N, C-alpha and C. Protein backbone atom coordinates (compact mmCIF):
# COMPACT_ATOMS: atom_id res chain seq x y z
N MET A 1 40.00 -0.25 -1.23
CA MET A 1 38.97 0.80 -1.13
C MET A 1 37.97 0.41 -0.06
N LEU A 2 37.50 1.42 0.63
CA LEU A 2 36.54 1.19 1.67
C LEU A 2 35.14 0.83 1.09
N PHE A 3 34.74 1.57 0.08
CA PHE A 3 33.46 1.31 -0.59
C PHE A 3 33.69 0.90 -2.01
N GLU A 4 33.35 -0.26 -2.30
CA GLU A 4 33.47 -0.72 -3.69
C GLU A 4 32.19 -0.44 -4.45
N SER A 5 32.23 -0.61 -5.70
CA SER A 5 31.07 -0.31 -6.58
C SER A 5 29.88 -1.22 -6.14
N LYS A 6 30.06 -2.45 -5.89
CA LYS A 6 29.00 -3.34 -5.50
C LYS A 6 28.38 -2.93 -4.15
N LYS A 7 29.21 -2.45 -3.22
CA LYS A 7 28.71 -2.03 -1.93
C LYS A 7 27.77 -0.80 -2.11
N MET A 8 28.18 0.14 -2.99
CA MET A 8 27.34 1.33 -3.19
C MET A 8 26.01 0.99 -3.82
N VAL A 9 26.01 0.03 -4.66
CA VAL A 9 24.72 -0.44 -5.26
C VAL A 9 23.84 -0.98 -4.21
N SER A 10 24.43 -1.78 -3.25
CA SER A 10 23.61 -2.35 -2.18
C SER A 10 23.09 -1.24 -1.28
N VAL A 11 23.84 -0.25 -1.02
CA VAL A 11 23.38 0.87 -0.21
C VAL A 11 22.25 1.56 -0.88
N SER A 12 22.33 1.79 -2.21
CA SER A 12 21.26 2.46 -2.93
C SER A 12 20.02 1.66 -2.97
N VAL A 13 20.12 0.33 -3.05
CA VAL A 13 18.94 -0.58 -3.08
C VAL A 13 18.27 -0.51 -1.71
N ILE A 14 19.08 -0.54 -0.63
CA ILE A 14 18.50 -0.46 0.72
C ILE A 14 17.83 0.88 0.96
N ALA A 15 18.47 1.92 0.47
CA ALA A 15 17.82 3.27 0.65
C ALA A 15 16.52 3.36 -0.07
N MET A 16 16.46 2.79 -1.29
CA MET A 16 15.23 2.79 -2.04
C MET A 16 14.12 2.01 -1.33
N ALA A 17 14.52 0.85 -0.76
CA ALA A 17 13.58 -0.01 -0.04
C ALA A 17 13.00 0.74 1.22
N VAL A 18 13.91 1.36 1.95
CA VAL A 18 13.51 2.09 3.19
C VAL A 18 12.63 3.25 2.82
N GLY A 19 12.97 4.00 1.77
CA GLY A 19 12.23 5.16 1.37
C GLY A 19 10.82 4.80 0.87
N THR A 20 10.76 3.79 0.04
CA THR A 20 9.40 3.44 -0.49
C THR A 20 8.52 2.74 0.59
N GLY A 21 9.17 2.01 1.50
CA GLY A 21 8.40 1.41 2.61
C GLY A 21 7.82 2.50 3.50
N THR A 22 8.59 3.52 3.79
CA THR A 22 8.11 4.64 4.57
C THR A 22 7.07 5.40 3.90
N ALA A 23 7.23 5.66 2.59
CA ALA A 23 6.28 6.39 1.86
C ALA A 23 4.95 5.64 1.71
N ALA A 24 5.02 4.33 1.60
CA ALA A 24 3.79 3.51 1.50
C ALA A 24 2.99 3.61 2.78
N VAL A 25 3.62 3.62 3.91
CA VAL A 25 2.94 3.75 5.23
C VAL A 25 2.34 5.12 5.37
N LEU A 26 2.99 6.15 4.90
CA LEU A 26 2.47 7.51 4.99
C LEU A 26 1.34 7.78 4.03
N ILE A 27 1.42 7.19 2.85
CA ILE A 27 0.48 7.46 1.78
C ILE A 27 -0.80 6.64 1.87
N ALA A 28 -0.72 5.44 2.49
CA ALA A 28 -1.85 4.51 2.53
C ALA A 28 -3.14 5.18 3.06
N PRO A 29 -3.14 5.86 4.20
CA PRO A 29 -4.34 6.48 4.67
C PRO A 29 -4.92 7.54 3.73
N VAL A 30 -3.97 8.30 3.08
CA VAL A 30 -4.45 9.31 2.14
C VAL A 30 -5.05 8.67 0.93
N ALA A 31 -4.51 7.58 0.44
CA ALA A 31 -5.03 6.87 -0.70
C ALA A 31 -6.42 6.29 -0.37
N LEU A 32 -6.57 5.74 0.82
CA LEU A 32 -7.89 5.20 1.17
C LEU A 32 -8.93 6.27 1.20
N GLY A 33 -8.61 7.44 1.74
CA GLY A 33 -9.56 8.55 1.77
C GLY A 33 -9.88 9.02 0.36
N ALA A 34 -8.88 9.08 -0.52
CA ALA A 34 -9.05 9.53 -1.90
C ALA A 34 -9.95 8.55 -2.67
N MET A 35 -9.87 7.29 -2.29
CA MET A 35 -10.76 6.31 -2.94
C MET A 35 -12.20 6.34 -2.46
N GLY A 36 -12.41 6.93 -1.28
CA GLY A 36 -13.77 7.07 -0.72
C GLY A 36 -14.00 6.28 0.53
N PHE A 37 -12.97 5.64 1.10
CA PHE A 37 -13.14 4.97 2.38
C PHE A 37 -12.79 5.89 3.48
N GLY A 38 -13.80 6.19 4.34
CA GLY A 38 -13.55 7.23 5.34
C GLY A 38 -14.26 6.93 6.63
N ALA A 39 -14.08 7.78 7.60
CA ALA A 39 -14.68 7.64 8.96
C ALA A 39 -16.23 7.65 8.91
N ALA A 40 -16.79 8.36 7.97
CA ALA A 40 -18.24 8.42 7.86
C ALA A 40 -18.86 7.34 7.00
N GLY A 41 -18.03 6.41 6.56
CA GLY A 41 -18.46 5.38 5.67
C GLY A 41 -17.96 5.60 4.25
N VAL A 42 -18.50 4.81 3.35
CA VAL A 42 -18.08 4.91 1.94
C VAL A 42 -18.74 6.13 1.29
N ALA A 43 -17.99 6.96 0.64
CA ALA A 43 -18.46 8.16 -0.01
C ALA A 43 -19.28 7.80 -1.29
N ALA A 44 -20.45 8.39 -1.39
CA ALA A 44 -21.33 8.16 -2.55
C ALA A 44 -20.59 8.56 -3.85
N GLY A 45 -20.76 7.75 -4.90
CA GLY A 45 -20.12 8.03 -6.17
C GLY A 45 -18.69 7.84 -6.28
N SER A 46 -18.01 7.35 -5.26
CA SER A 46 -16.58 7.19 -5.27
C SER A 46 -16.17 5.84 -5.82
N THR A 47 -14.87 5.70 -5.97
CA THR A 47 -14.36 4.37 -6.37
C THR A 47 -14.70 3.31 -5.34
N ALA A 48 -14.70 3.67 -4.05
CA ALA A 48 -15.02 2.72 -3.02
C ALA A 48 -16.48 2.32 -3.15
N ALA A 49 -17.38 3.21 -3.51
CA ALA A 49 -18.78 2.90 -3.67
C ALA A 49 -18.95 1.92 -4.81
N GLY A 50 -18.26 2.08 -5.90
CA GLY A 50 -18.29 1.16 -7.01
C GLY A 50 -17.80 -0.22 -6.65
N MET A 51 -16.68 -0.24 -5.87
CA MET A 51 -16.16 -1.54 -5.41
C MET A 51 -17.14 -2.25 -4.49
N MET A 52 -17.73 -1.43 -3.57
CA MET A 52 -18.65 -2.06 -2.64
C MET A 52 -19.91 -2.56 -3.35
N SER A 53 -20.40 -1.83 -4.33
CA SER A 53 -21.55 -2.23 -5.12
C SER A 53 -21.27 -3.56 -5.86
N SER A 54 -20.08 -3.64 -6.48
CA SER A 54 -19.70 -4.87 -7.23
C SER A 54 -19.60 -6.07 -6.28
N ALA A 55 -19.03 -5.83 -5.09
CA ALA A 55 -18.90 -6.87 -4.14
C ALA A 55 -20.23 -7.36 -3.64
N ALA A 56 -21.15 -6.40 -3.40
CA ALA A 56 -22.47 -6.73 -2.96
C ALA A 56 -23.23 -7.57 -4.01
N VAL A 57 -23.20 -7.18 -5.22
CA VAL A 57 -23.82 -7.86 -6.35
C VAL A 57 -23.22 -9.28 -6.43
N ALA A 58 -21.91 -9.44 -6.30
CA ALA A 58 -21.28 -10.76 -6.42
C ALA A 58 -21.61 -11.67 -5.26
N ASN A 59 -21.93 -11.06 -4.09
CA ASN A 59 -22.27 -11.85 -2.88
C ASN A 59 -23.77 -11.92 -2.59
N GLY A 60 -24.57 -11.60 -3.62
CA GLY A 60 -25.98 -11.78 -3.43
C GLY A 60 -26.65 -10.67 -2.56
N GLY A 61 -26.06 -9.45 -2.51
CA GLY A 61 -26.69 -8.34 -1.87
C GLY A 61 -25.98 -7.78 -0.67
N GLY A 62 -24.96 -8.42 -0.19
CA GLY A 62 -24.24 -7.84 0.96
C GLY A 62 -22.74 -7.99 0.79
N VAL A 63 -21.99 -7.23 1.54
CA VAL A 63 -20.55 -7.33 1.52
C VAL A 63 -20.13 -8.28 2.61
N ALA A 64 -19.38 -9.29 2.22
CA ALA A 64 -18.92 -10.32 3.22
C ALA A 64 -18.00 -9.73 4.25
N ALA A 65 -18.25 -10.09 5.49
CA ALA A 65 -17.33 -9.70 6.58
C ALA A 65 -15.94 -10.31 6.36
N GLY A 66 -14.93 -9.56 6.53
CA GLY A 66 -13.55 -10.05 6.30
C GLY A 66 -13.11 -9.95 4.85
N SER A 67 -13.93 -9.41 3.99
CA SER A 67 -13.57 -9.30 2.57
C SER A 67 -12.60 -8.12 2.40
N LEU A 68 -12.00 -7.96 1.24
CA LEU A 68 -11.17 -6.85 0.98
C LEU A 68 -11.83 -5.54 1.18
N ILE A 69 -13.08 -5.43 0.70
CA ILE A 69 -13.81 -4.20 0.84
C ILE A 69 -14.07 -3.85 2.29
N ALA A 70 -14.42 -4.84 3.09
CA ALA A 70 -14.66 -4.63 4.50
C ALA A 70 -13.35 -4.17 5.21
N ALA A 71 -12.25 -4.79 4.81
CA ALA A 71 -10.94 -4.46 5.43
C ALA A 71 -10.59 -3.06 5.05
N LEU A 72 -10.71 -2.67 3.78
CA LEU A 72 -10.42 -1.33 3.36
C LEU A 72 -11.30 -0.24 4.05
N GLN A 73 -12.57 -0.56 4.20
CA GLN A 73 -13.45 0.41 4.89
C GLN A 73 -13.06 0.53 6.38
N SER A 74 -12.74 -0.61 6.95
CA SER A 74 -12.28 -0.57 8.37
C SER A 74 -11.04 0.29 8.49
N ALA A 75 -10.08 0.10 7.64
CA ALA A 75 -8.82 0.90 7.64
C ALA A 75 -9.12 2.38 7.36
N GLY A 76 -10.03 2.65 6.49
CA GLY A 76 -10.38 4.02 6.13
C GLY A 76 -11.07 4.70 7.30
N ALA A 77 -11.86 3.95 8.06
CA ALA A 77 -12.66 4.53 9.16
C ALA A 77 -11.78 4.69 10.45
N ALA A 78 -11.01 3.70 10.75
CA ALA A 78 -10.28 3.66 12.02
C ALA A 78 -8.78 3.80 11.89
N GLY A 79 -8.22 3.76 10.65
CA GLY A 79 -6.84 3.79 10.47
C GLY A 79 -6.27 2.40 10.37
N LEU A 80 -5.04 2.31 9.96
CA LEU A 80 -4.38 0.99 9.83
C LEU A 80 -4.00 0.42 11.17
N THR A 81 -4.22 -0.88 11.30
CA THR A 81 -3.76 -1.58 12.53
C THR A 81 -2.24 -1.73 12.43
N GLY A 82 -1.68 -2.15 13.50
CA GLY A 82 -0.21 -2.39 13.51
C GLY A 82 0.21 -3.39 12.50
N VAL A 83 -0.60 -4.49 12.44
CA VAL A 83 -0.32 -5.49 11.39
C VAL A 83 -0.43 -4.99 9.98
N ALA A 84 -1.49 -4.22 9.74
CA ALA A 84 -1.71 -3.62 8.40
C ALA A 84 -0.59 -2.63 8.04
N THR A 85 -0.16 -1.87 9.06
CA THR A 85 0.94 -0.94 8.82
C THR A 85 2.21 -1.69 8.45
N ALA A 86 2.47 -2.79 9.15
CA ALA A 86 3.68 -3.56 8.85
C ALA A 86 3.60 -4.20 7.48
N ALA A 87 2.39 -4.66 7.09
CA ALA A 87 2.21 -5.28 5.78
C ALA A 87 2.38 -4.25 4.65
N VAL A 88 1.80 -3.04 4.85
CA VAL A 88 1.91 -2.01 3.82
C VAL A 88 3.38 -1.59 3.67
N GLY A 89 4.05 -1.41 4.85
CA GLY A 89 5.48 -1.02 4.83
C GLY A 89 6.32 -2.10 4.19
N SER A 90 6.06 -3.38 4.44
CA SER A 90 6.81 -4.46 3.89
C SER A 90 6.65 -4.55 2.38
N VAL A 91 5.41 -4.40 1.94
CA VAL A 91 5.16 -4.52 0.51
C VAL A 91 5.83 -3.31 -0.18
N GLY A 92 5.72 -2.12 0.39
CA GLY A 92 6.31 -0.94 -0.20
C GLY A 92 7.81 -1.11 -0.22
N ALA A 93 8.42 -1.58 0.83
CA ALA A 93 9.87 -1.85 0.85
C ALA A 93 10.30 -2.84 -0.15
N ALA A 94 9.56 -3.96 -0.29
CA ALA A 94 9.89 -4.96 -1.27
C ALA A 94 9.87 -4.44 -2.68
N ALA A 95 8.78 -3.64 -2.99
CA ALA A 95 8.65 -3.03 -4.29
C ALA A 95 9.77 -2.06 -4.58
N GLY A 96 10.09 -1.21 -3.57
CA GLY A 96 11.18 -0.29 -3.74
C GLY A 96 12.52 -0.92 -3.89
N GLY A 97 12.77 -1.97 -3.09
CA GLY A 97 14.04 -2.75 -3.18
C GLY A 97 14.19 -3.36 -4.55
N ALA A 98 13.07 -3.94 -5.05
CA ALA A 98 13.13 -4.57 -6.41
C ALA A 98 13.38 -3.53 -7.46
N LEU A 99 12.72 -2.38 -7.34
CA LEU A 99 12.89 -1.27 -8.30
C LEU A 99 14.33 -0.74 -8.23
N GLY A 100 14.84 -0.61 -7.01
CA GLY A 100 16.27 -0.15 -6.85
C GLY A 100 17.24 -1.15 -7.41
N TRP A 101 16.98 -2.42 -7.21
CA TRP A 101 17.88 -3.45 -7.74
C TRP A 101 17.88 -3.46 -9.29
N VAL A 102 16.67 -3.43 -9.84
CA VAL A 102 16.52 -3.39 -11.33
C VAL A 102 17.23 -2.13 -11.89
N SER A 103 16.96 -1.00 -11.29
CA SER A 103 17.62 0.23 -11.83
C SER A 103 19.09 0.20 -11.67
N SER A 104 19.62 -0.46 -10.67
CA SER A 104 21.07 -0.59 -10.51
C SER A 104 21.69 -1.40 -11.59
N LYS A 105 20.94 -2.32 -12.20
CA LYS A 105 21.47 -3.11 -13.27
C LYS A 105 21.63 -2.31 -14.59
N PHE A 106 20.97 -1.18 -14.71
CA PHE A 106 21.00 -0.39 -15.88
C PHE A 106 21.93 0.83 -15.75
N ARG A 107 22.48 1.02 -14.54
CA ARG A 107 23.45 2.13 -14.36
C ARG A 107 24.79 1.66 -14.78
N GLY A 108 25.55 2.59 -15.28
CA GLY A 108 26.86 2.21 -15.74
C GLY A 108 27.97 2.37 -14.75
């Protein structure tokens, strides 16, 4: 046979990884905006505002440069860098591949 059962599972796992990696890259900017990280700054009353407030309290009044909050705000304002896009896509692909692999174990 040209395609054996194991080969088809591998193809489905790869397809799941590619799909979720692509979706993660496309959804990341939308998710940042929905959280309140945007070009005009952090939206008042948003999840981002709460995160920024907590980070400022923990750091004695300011948000540390290079912190997660600073990176998220930068990405929300200017978009994802090439490195960030690659990281988001890789994490999405890894999660999708793992999910595809696990789900393949439960298919008959």
